[in-house]
Amino acid sequence: MDNKDSMVDEEADIRKMLNTYVTNSPYKLNPDKKIVDRVVKGLVMRKSKYGHAYCPCRIVSGDIEKDKKAICPCVYHKEEIERDGECHCNLFVRGN
């Protein structure tokens, strides 16, 4: 399998994870497909580079304990959605 195929597979895996998450949470994916696509691409790139799907809007420090808070869905998204109606990267938004 070449690198492009593995990226396509990784994107499918991340989309599946996101859909499972929103199905089992009070949140939903941003209705703007372009935003979701952009964030998913960032998650795929970070998974390829760092081994985990770190939120593209968070800085990866290299400290695994510290950085695990930024693995999507990050620990910050619930508070951000409660406060702002969406998470910092706009991937998740408040449900109905």
N, C-alpha and C. Protein backbone atom coordinates (compact mmCIF):
# COMPACT_ATOMS: atom_id res chain seq x y z
N MET A 1 0.85 -1.18 0.00
CA MET A 1 0.00 0.00 0.00
C MET A 1 0.89 1.24 0.00
N ASP A 2 0.62 2.19 -0.88
CA ASP A 2 1.45 3.38 -0.91
C ASP A 2 0.94 4.41 0.11
N ASN A 3 1.69 5.49 0.24
CA ASN A 3 1.40 6.50 1.24
C ASN A 3 0.02 7.13 1.02
N LYS A 4 -0.36 7.34 -0.25
CA LYS A 4 -1.68 7.94 -0.53
C LYS A 4 -2.80 7.02 -0.06
N ASP A 5 -2.67 5.72 -0.29
CA ASP A 5 -3.68 4.77 0.18
C ASP A 5 -3.78 4.77 1.70
N SER A 6 -2.62 4.82 2.37
CA SER A 6 -2.67 4.80 3.83
C SER A 6 -3.30 6.08 4.38
N MET A 7 -3.10 7.21 3.69
CA MET A 7 -3.72 8.46 4.11
C MET A 7 -5.24 8.40 3.91
N VAL A 8 -5.67 7.79 2.81
CA VAL A 8 -7.11 7.64 2.56
C VAL A 8 -7.72 6.74 3.63
N ASP A 9 -7.04 5.65 3.96
CA ASP A 9 -7.52 4.76 5.02
C ASP A 9 -7.57 5.47 6.35
N GLU A 10 -6.54 6.26 6.64
CA GLU A 10 -6.48 6.99 7.91
C GLU A 10 -7.62 8.00 7.99
N GLU A 11 -7.89 8.69 6.89
CA GLU A 11 -8.99 9.65 6.86
C GLU A 11 -10.32 8.95 7.12
N ALA A 12 -10.52 7.80 6.51
CA ALA A 12 -11.75 7.03 6.73
C ALA A 12 -11.88 6.61 8.20
N ASP A 13 -10.77 6.19 8.79
CA ASP A 13 -10.78 5.79 10.21
C ASP A 13 -11.12 6.98 11.11
N ILE A 14 -10.55 8.13 10.82
CA ILE A 14 -10.81 9.33 11.64
C ILE A 14 -12.27 9.76 11.47
N ARG A 15 -12.77 9.75 10.26
CA ARG A 15 -14.18 10.12 10.04
C ARG A 15 -15.12 9.16 10.79
N LYS A 16 -14.78 7.89 10.77
CA LYS A 16 -15.59 6.90 11.49
C LYS A 16 -15.56 7.20 13.00
N MET A 17 -14.38 7.49 13.53
CA MET A 17 -14.24 7.82 14.95
C MET A 17 -15.07 9.06 15.29
N LEU A 18 -15.00 10.08 14.45
CA LEU A 18 -15.75 11.32 14.70
C LEU A 18 -17.26 11.07 14.66
N ASN A 19 -17.70 10.30 13.68
CA ASN A 19 -19.14 10.00 13.58
C ASN A 19 -19.62 9.18 14.76
N THR A 20 -18.82 8.23 15.21
CA THR A 20 -19.17 7.45 16.40
C THR A 20 -19.25 8.37 17.61
N TYR A 21 -18.28 9.28 17.72
CA TYR A 21 -18.27 10.19 18.87
C TYR A 21 -19.53 11.06 18.90
N VAL A 22 -19.88 11.69 17.78
CA VAL A 22 -21.04 12.58 17.81
C VAL A 22 -22.34 11.80 17.98
N THR A 23 -22.38 10.55 17.54
CA THR A 23 -23.57 9.71 17.74
C THR A 23 -23.81 9.46 19.23
N ASN A 24 -22.72 9.38 19.98
CA ASN A 24 -22.80 9.06 21.41
C ASN A 24 -22.54 10.26 22.31
N SER A 25 -22.65 11.46 21.79
CA SER A 25 -22.41 12.67 22.59
C SER A 25 -23.52 13.69 22.31
N PRO A 26 -23.58 14.74 23.11
CA PRO A 26 -24.58 15.78 22.85
C PRO A 26 -24.16 16.76 21.75
N TYR A 27 -23.05 16.50 21.09
CA TYR A 27 -22.51 17.42 20.08
C TYR A 27 -22.74 16.87 18.68
N LYS A 28 -22.52 17.72 17.70
CA LYS A 28 -22.59 17.28 16.32
C LYS A 28 -21.42 17.88 15.57
N LEU A 29 -21.14 17.34 14.39
CA LEU A 29 -20.09 17.91 13.56
C LEU A 29 -20.60 19.22 12.97
N ASN A 30 -19.69 20.12 12.73
CA ASN A 30 -20.04 21.40 12.12
C ASN A 30 -20.79 21.12 10.82
N PRO A 31 -21.92 21.78 10.60
CA PRO A 31 -22.67 21.56 9.36
C PRO A 31 -21.93 22.04 8.11
N ASP A 32 -20.89 22.85 8.28
CA ASP A 32 -20.09 23.32 7.15
C ASP A 32 -19.07 22.23 6.78
N LYS A 33 -19.35 21.52 5.71
CA LYS A 33 -18.52 20.38 5.29
C LYS A 33 -17.07 20.80 5.03
N LYS A 34 -16.84 22.01 4.53
CA LYS A 34 -15.48 22.48 4.25
C LYS A 34 -14.66 22.57 5.54
N ILE A 35 -15.27 23.03 6.61
CA ILE A 35 -14.57 23.11 7.90
C ILE A 35 -14.23 21.71 8.39
N VAL A 36 -15.20 20.81 8.33
CA VAL A 36 -14.96 19.43 8.78
C VAL A 36 -13.84 18.81 7.94
N ASP A 37 -13.89 18.98 6.63
CA ASP A 37 -12.86 18.41 5.76
C ASP A 37 -11.48 18.96 6.10
N ARG A 38 -11.39 20.26 6.36
CA ARG A 38 -10.10 20.90 6.69
C ARG A 38 -9.54 20.33 7.99
N VAL A 39 -10.40 20.21 9.01
CA VAL A 39 -9.95 19.70 10.30
C VAL A 39 -9.56 18.22 10.18
N VAL A 40 -10.34 17.45 9.44
CA VAL A 40 -10.01 16.03 9.25
C VAL A 40 -8.65 15.89 8.57
N LYS A 41 -8.38 16.69 7.55
CA LYS A 41 -7.07 16.65 6.88
C LYS A 41 -5.96 16.95 7.89
N GLY A 42 -6.19 17.93 8.76
CA GLY A 42 -5.20 18.25 9.79
C GLY A 42 -5.00 17.11 10.76
N LEU A 43 -6.08 16.43 11.13
CA LEU A 43 -5.97 15.28 12.03
C LEU A 43 -5.19 14.15 11.37
N VAL A 44 -5.44 13.92 10.08
CA VAL A 44 -4.72 12.87 9.35
C VAL A 44 -3.23 13.21 9.29
N MET A 45 -2.91 14.45 8.99
CA MET A 45 -1.51 14.86 8.92
C MET A 45 -0.81 14.69 10.26
N ARG A 46 -1.50 15.07 11.32
CA ARG A 46 -0.90 14.94 12.65
C ARG A 46 -0.75 13.48 13.07
N LYS A 47 -1.72 12.66 12.71
CA LYS A 47 -1.61 11.23 13.03
C LYS A 47 -0.42 10.64 12.29
N SER A 48 -0.23 11.03 11.04
CA SER A 48 0.89 10.55 10.24
C SER A 48 2.22 11.02 10.84
N LYS A 49 2.27 12.27 11.27
CA LYS A 49 3.52 12.86 11.77
C LYS A 49 3.84 12.44 13.20
N TYR A 50 2.83 12.42 14.08
CA TYR A 50 3.07 12.21 15.51
C TYR A 50 2.56 10.87 16.05
N GLY A 51 1.75 10.16 15.26
CA GLY A 51 1.24 8.89 15.72
C GLY A 51 -0.11 8.96 16.41
N HIS A 52 -0.62 10.15 16.65
CA HIS A 52 -1.93 10.35 17.26
C HIS A 52 -2.64 11.48 16.51
N ALA A 53 -3.97 11.45 16.53
CA ALA A 53 -4.76 12.49 15.85
C ALA A 53 -4.92 13.69 16.78
N TYR A 54 -3.83 14.45 16.92
CA TYR A 54 -3.87 15.65 17.76
C TYR A 54 -4.68 16.73 17.07
N CYS A 55 -5.45 17.44 17.85
CA CYS A 55 -6.24 18.56 17.34
C CYS A 55 -5.32 19.51 16.56
N PRO A 56 -5.69 19.87 15.34
CA PRO A 56 -4.83 20.73 14.54
C PRO A 56 -4.70 22.16 15.08
N CYS A 57 -5.57 22.54 16.01
CA CYS A 57 -5.47 23.90 16.54
C CYS A 57 -4.71 23.95 17.87
N ARG A 58 -4.10 22.85 18.26
CA ARG A 58 -3.32 22.78 19.50
C ARG A 58 -1.84 22.56 19.15
N ILE A 59 -0.98 23.06 20.01
CA ILE A 59 0.45 22.88 19.83
C ILE A 59 0.86 21.53 20.42
N VAL A 60 1.62 20.77 19.65
CA VAL A 60 2.15 19.49 20.13
C VAL A 60 3.54 19.78 20.69
N SER A 61 3.72 19.50 21.97
CA SER A 61 4.98 19.86 22.65
C SER A 61 6.03 18.76 22.59
N GLY A 62 5.60 17.52 22.38
CA GLY A 62 6.52 16.40 22.44
C GLY A 62 6.48 15.68 23.78
N ASP A 63 5.80 16.29 24.77
CA ASP A 63 5.59 15.66 26.07
C ASP A 63 4.30 14.84 25.98
N ILE A 64 4.44 13.52 25.91
CA ILE A 64 3.30 12.64 25.66
C ILE A 64 2.19 12.84 26.69
N GLU A 65 2.53 12.96 27.95
CA GLU A 65 1.52 13.14 29.00
C GLU A 65 0.73 14.43 28.79
N LYS A 66 1.44 15.50 28.47
CA LYS A 66 0.80 16.80 28.25
C LYS A 66 -0.01 16.78 26.94
N ASP A 67 0.58 16.21 25.90
CA ASP A 67 -0.03 16.23 24.58
C ASP A 67 -1.27 15.36 24.48
N LYS A 68 -1.40 14.33 25.30
CA LYS A 68 -2.56 13.44 25.15
C LYS A 68 -3.88 14.18 25.39
N LYS A 69 -3.83 15.33 26.06
CA LYS A 69 -5.02 16.15 26.26
C LYS A 69 -5.52 16.73 24.93
N ALA A 70 -4.63 16.78 23.93
CA ALA A 70 -4.97 17.38 22.64
C ALA A 70 -5.36 16.34 21.59
N ILE A 71 -5.45 15.06 21.97
CA ILE A 71 -5.90 14.06 21.01
C ILE A 71 -7.40 14.24 20.80
N CYS A 72 -7.81 14.31 19.56
CA CYS A 72 -9.21 14.56 19.22
C CYS A 72 -10.10 13.38 19.63
N PRO A 73 -11.24 13.65 20.26
CA PRO A 73 -11.70 14.95 20.74
C PRO A 73 -10.93 15.36 21.98
N CYS A 74 -10.37 16.55 21.95
CA CYS A 74 -9.49 17.03 23.03
C CYS A 74 -10.29 17.28 24.32
N VAL A 75 -9.56 17.37 25.42
CA VAL A 75 -10.22 17.57 26.71
C VAL A 75 -10.87 18.95 26.82
N TYR A 76 -10.51 19.85 25.94
CA TYR A 76 -11.00 21.23 26.03
C TYR A 76 -12.32 21.45 25.31
N HIS A 77 -12.71 20.54 24.43
CA HIS A 77 -13.85 20.82 23.54
C HIS A 77 -15.17 21.00 24.27
N LYS A 78 -15.41 20.26 25.34
CA LYS A 78 -16.70 20.38 26.03
C LYS A 78 -16.89 21.77 26.62
N GLU A 79 -15.85 22.25 27.31
CA GLU A 79 -15.92 23.59 27.90
C GLU A 79 -16.07 24.66 26.81
N GLU A 80 -15.34 24.51 25.72
CA GLU A 80 -15.42 25.49 24.62
C GLU A 80 -16.81 25.50 23.99
N ILE A 81 -17.38 24.33 23.77
CA ILE A 81 -18.72 24.26 23.18
C ILE A 81 -19.75 24.86 24.13
N GLU A 82 -19.61 24.56 25.41
CA GLU A 82 -20.52 25.13 26.41
C GLU A 82 -20.46 26.65 26.39
N ARG A 83 -19.24 27.18 26.28
CA ARG A 83 -19.03 28.63 26.33
C ARG A 83 -19.33 29.31 25.00
N ASP A 84 -18.85 28.71 23.88
CA ASP A 84 -18.87 29.38 22.58
C ASP A 84 -19.83 28.78 21.56
N GLY A 85 -20.37 27.60 21.86
CA GLY A 85 -21.25 26.93 20.91
C GLY A 85 -20.51 26.04 19.92
N GLU A 86 -19.18 26.11 19.96
CA GLU A 86 -18.34 25.28 19.10
C GLU A 86 -16.97 25.14 19.75
N CYS A 87 -16.25 24.10 19.35
CA CYS A 87 -14.89 23.94 19.88
C CYS A 87 -13.95 24.89 19.13
N HIS A 88 -12.75 25.02 19.64
CA HIS A 88 -11.79 25.98 19.09
C HIS A 88 -11.53 25.80 17.60
N CYS A 89 -11.45 24.54 17.13
CA CYS A 89 -11.17 24.32 15.71
C CYS A 89 -12.45 24.27 14.87
N ASN A 90 -13.61 24.44 15.51
CA ASN A 90 -14.92 24.47 14.85
C ASN A 90 -15.38 23.12 14.32
N LEU A 91 -14.75 22.04 14.76
CA LEU A 91 -15.16 20.71 14.31
C LEU A 91 -16.46 20.30 14.94
N PHE A 92 -16.54 20.45 16.26
CA PHE A 92 -17.75 20.07 17.00
C PHE A 92 -18.54 21.31 17.37
N VAL A 93 -19.86 21.19 17.27
CA VAL A 93 -20.74 22.29 17.64
C VAL A 93 -21.82 21.77 18.58
N ARG A 94 -22.46 22.68 19.24
CA ARG A 94 -23.54 22.32 20.16
C ARG A 94 -24.65 21.60 19.41
N GLY A 95 -25.14 20.53 20.01
CA GLY A 95 -26.26 19.81 19.41
C GLY A 95 -27.55 20.59 19.65
N ASN A 96 -28.67 20.03 19.25
CA ASN A 96 -29.95 20.73 19.40
C ASN A 96 -30.39 20.86 20.80
